[in-house]
Amino acid sequence: MSPSGMDTVPVFRVLRGDPEDAELAALVAVFTALASAAPPSPAPVRSAWSPRTSKTWRTSTLR
């Protein structure tokens, strides 16, 4: 961060047109929401000690 508290390198530039303040604010809100979105949770890892077959495969018929 620079001493003024703002980065000196722009994150995006408007190349064409003359956007209004509300349009730029909406664009910044979208970028902020995307940046703060939580990454998807990873798939749970199956333990090497857990059975790989269904639980009924080894059940006894003598219950």
N, C-alpha and C. Protein backbone atom coordinates (compact mmCIF):
# COMPACT_ATOMS: atom_id res chain seq x y z
N MET A 1 0.84 -1.18 0.00
CA MET A 1 0.00 0.00 0.00
C MET A 1 0.88 1.24 0.00
N SER A 2 0.42 2.22 -0.67
CA SER A 2 1.15 3.49 -0.68
C SER A 2 0.84 4.26 0.60
N PRO A 3 1.59 5.31 0.89
CA PRO A 3 1.35 6.07 2.12
C PRO A 3 -0.06 6.66 2.22
N SER A 4 -0.68 6.91 1.08
CA SER A 4 -2.03 7.47 1.13
C SER A 4 -3.09 6.40 1.42
N GLY A 5 -2.67 5.13 1.45
CA GLY A 5 -3.62 4.05 1.74
C GLY A 5 -4.25 3.46 0.49
N MET A 6 -3.89 3.93 -0.67
CA MET A 6 -4.45 3.44 -1.93
C MET A 6 -3.32 2.87 -2.77
N ASP A 7 -3.61 1.85 -3.54
CA ASP A 7 -2.61 1.32 -4.46
C ASP A 7 -2.40 2.31 -5.60
N THR A 8 -1.19 2.36 -6.14
CA THR A 8 -0.92 3.28 -7.23
C THR A 8 -1.20 2.67 -8.60
N VAL A 9 -1.29 1.36 -8.68
CA VAL A 9 -1.57 0.68 -9.94
C VAL A 9 -3.08 0.46 -10.04
N PRO A 10 -3.71 0.90 -11.14
CA PRO A 10 -5.16 0.70 -11.26
C PRO A 10 -5.50 -0.77 -11.46
N VAL A 11 -6.64 -1.17 -10.93
CA VAL A 11 -7.09 -2.55 -11.06
C VAL A 11 -7.74 -2.75 -12.43
N PHE A 12 -8.47 -1.75 -12.91
CA PHE A 12 -9.06 -1.81 -14.24
C PHE A 12 -9.11 -0.40 -14.80
N ARG A 13 -9.24 -0.31 -16.14
CA ARG A 13 -9.33 0.98 -16.81
C ARG A 13 -10.54 0.97 -17.72
N VAL A 14 -11.18 2.11 -17.88
CA VAL A 14 -12.27 2.29 -18.83
C VAL A 14 -11.63 2.72 -20.14
N LEU A 15 -11.76 1.89 -21.17
CA LEU A 15 -11.11 2.17 -22.44
C LEU A 15 -12.00 2.97 -23.39
N ARG A 16 -13.29 2.79 -23.30
CA ARG A 16 -14.22 3.49 -24.18
C ARG A 16 -15.41 3.99 -23.38
N GLY A 17 -16.00 5.02 -23.86
CA GLY A 17 -17.22 5.53 -23.25
C GLY A 17 -16.93 6.43 -22.06
N ASP A 18 -18.00 6.87 -21.44
CA ASP A 18 -17.92 7.77 -20.29
C ASP A 18 -18.90 7.25 -19.24
N PRO A 19 -18.49 6.26 -18.44
CA PRO A 19 -19.42 5.68 -17.47
C PRO A 19 -19.77 6.66 -16.36
N GLU A 20 -20.98 6.52 -15.88
CA GLU A 20 -21.42 7.35 -14.76
C GLU A 20 -20.87 6.77 -13.45
N ASP A 21 -20.95 7.56 -12.41
CA ASP A 21 -20.44 7.10 -11.10
C ASP A 21 -21.16 5.85 -10.63
N ALA A 22 -22.48 5.76 -10.87
CA ALA A 22 -23.26 4.59 -10.43
C ALA A 22 -22.82 3.34 -11.18
N GLU A 23 -22.48 3.48 -12.46
CA GLU A 23 -22.02 2.32 -13.23
C GLU A 23 -20.66 1.83 -12.75
N LEU A 24 -19.77 2.75 -12.47
CA LEU A 24 -18.47 2.35 -11.93
C LEU A 24 -18.61 1.73 -10.54
N ALA A 25 -19.51 2.28 -9.73
CA ALA A 25 -19.72 1.72 -8.40
C ALA A 25 -20.27 0.29 -8.49
N ALA A 26 -21.16 0.05 -9.46
CA ALA A 26 -21.70 -1.31 -9.64
C ALA A 26 -20.59 -2.27 -10.07
N LEU A 27 -19.71 -1.80 -10.94
CA LEU A 27 -18.61 -2.64 -11.39
C LEU A 27 -17.65 -2.96 -10.25
N VAL A 28 -17.35 -1.98 -9.44
CA VAL A 28 -16.48 -2.20 -8.28
C VAL A 28 -17.14 -3.15 -7.29
N ALA A 29 -18.46 -3.03 -7.11
CA ALA A 29 -19.17 -3.94 -6.20
C ALA A 29 -19.09 -5.38 -6.69
N VAL A 30 -19.20 -5.58 -7.99
CA VAL A 30 -19.11 -6.94 -8.55
C VAL A 30 -17.71 -7.50 -8.35
N PHE A 31 -16.68 -6.70 -8.63
CA PHE A 31 -15.30 -7.17 -8.43
C PHE A 31 -15.02 -7.47 -6.96
N THR A 32 -15.54 -6.64 -6.08
CA THR A 32 -15.34 -6.87 -4.65
C THR A 32 -16.02 -8.15 -4.21
N ALA A 33 -17.24 -8.40 -4.70
CA ALA A 33 -17.96 -9.62 -4.33
C ALA A 33 -17.24 -10.86 -4.85
N LEU A 34 -16.71 -10.78 -6.06
CA LEU A 34 -15.97 -11.93 -6.61
C LEU A 34 -14.68 -12.17 -5.85
N ALA A 35 -14.01 -11.13 -5.45
CA ALA A 35 -12.75 -11.29 -4.73
C ALA A 35 -12.95 -11.82 -3.32
N SER A 36 -14.08 -11.49 -2.70
CA SER A 36 -14.30 -11.93 -1.33
C SER A 36 -15.07 -13.24 -1.24
N ALA A 37 -15.45 -13.81 -2.38
CA ALA A 37 -16.19 -15.08 -2.37
C ALA A 37 -15.27 -16.18 -1.84
N ALA A 38 -15.81 -17.03 -1.03
CA ALA A 38 -15.04 -18.13 -0.46
C ALA A 38 -14.77 -19.17 -1.54
N PRO A 39 -13.58 -19.74 -1.56
CA PRO A 39 -13.30 -20.79 -2.53
C PRO A 39 -14.15 -22.03 -2.20
N PRO A 40 -14.47 -22.81 -3.21
CA PRO A 40 -15.28 -24.01 -2.94
C PRO A 40 -14.54 -24.97 -2.02
N SER A 41 -15.29 -25.60 -1.14
CA SER A 41 -14.66 -26.53 -0.21
C SER A 41 -14.22 -27.78 -0.97
N PRO A 42 -13.06 -28.32 -0.62
CA PRO A 42 -12.58 -29.52 -1.31
C PRO A 42 -13.44 -30.73 -0.93
N ALA A 43 -13.44 -31.69 -1.82
CA ALA A 43 -14.19 -32.91 -1.57
C ALA A 43 -13.59 -33.62 -0.36
N PRO A 44 -14.42 -34.22 0.48
CA PRO A 44 -13.87 -34.92 1.65
C PRO A 44 -12.99 -36.09 1.21
N VAL A 45 -11.90 -36.24 1.91
CA VAL A 45 -10.96 -37.31 1.59
C VAL A 45 -11.36 -38.56 2.36
N ARG A 46 -11.46 -39.65 1.65
CA ARG A 46 -11.83 -40.91 2.30
C ARG A 46 -10.61 -41.51 2.97
N SER A 47 -10.78 -41.92 4.19
CA SER A 47 -9.69 -42.51 4.94
C SER A 47 -9.30 -43.85 4.32
N ALA A 48 -8.01 -44.14 4.38
CA ALA A 48 -7.54 -45.42 3.87
C ALA A 48 -8.05 -46.58 4.72
N TRP A 49 -8.50 -46.28 5.95
CA TRP A 49 -8.99 -47.31 6.83
C TRP A 49 -10.49 -47.56 6.66
N SER A 50 -11.18 -46.75 5.92
CA SER A 50 -12.62 -46.94 5.75
C SER A 50 -12.88 -48.01 4.70
N PRO A 51 -13.98 -48.71 4.86
CA PRO A 51 -14.30 -49.75 3.87
C PRO A 51 -14.67 -49.12 2.54
N ARG A 52 -14.26 -49.76 1.47
CA ARG A 52 -14.54 -49.22 0.14
C ARG A 52 -15.82 -49.80 -0.45
N THR A 53 -16.43 -50.72 0.23
CA THR A 53 -17.66 -51.32 -0.26
C THR A 53 -18.82 -50.87 0.62
N SER A 54 -20.00 -51.25 0.22
CA SER A 54 -21.16 -50.87 1.01
C SER A 54 -21.14 -51.57 2.37
N LYS A 55 -21.81 -51.02 3.32
CA LYS A 55 -21.80 -51.57 4.68
C LYS A 55 -22.52 -52.91 4.78
N THR A 56 -23.36 -53.21 3.85
CA THR A 56 -24.10 -54.47 3.92
C THR A 56 -23.34 -55.64 3.30
N TRP A 57 -22.21 -55.39 2.68
CA TRP A 57 -21.49 -56.44 2.00
C TRP A 57 -20.98 -57.50 2.97
N ARG A 58 -20.53 -57.12 4.16
CA ARG A 58 -19.96 -58.09 5.09
C ARG A 58 -20.91 -58.42 6.25
N THR A 59 -22.13 -58.11 6.15
CA THR A 59 -23.04 -58.43 7.25
C THR A 59 -23.37 -59.91 7.21
N SER A 60 -23.54 -60.44 8.36
CA SER A 60 -23.84 -61.87 8.49
C SER A 60 -25.32 -62.12 8.26
N THR A 61 -25.61 -63.27 7.75
CA THR A 61 -27.01 -63.65 7.60
C THR A 61 -27.53 -64.34 8.86
N LEU A 62 -26.67 -64.56 9.87
CA LEU A 62 -27.07 -65.22 11.10
C LEU A 62 -27.47 -64.24 12.19
N ARG A 63 -27.94 -63.12 11.88
CA ARG A 63 -28.32 -62.15 12.91
C ARG A 63 -29.55 -62.53 13.64
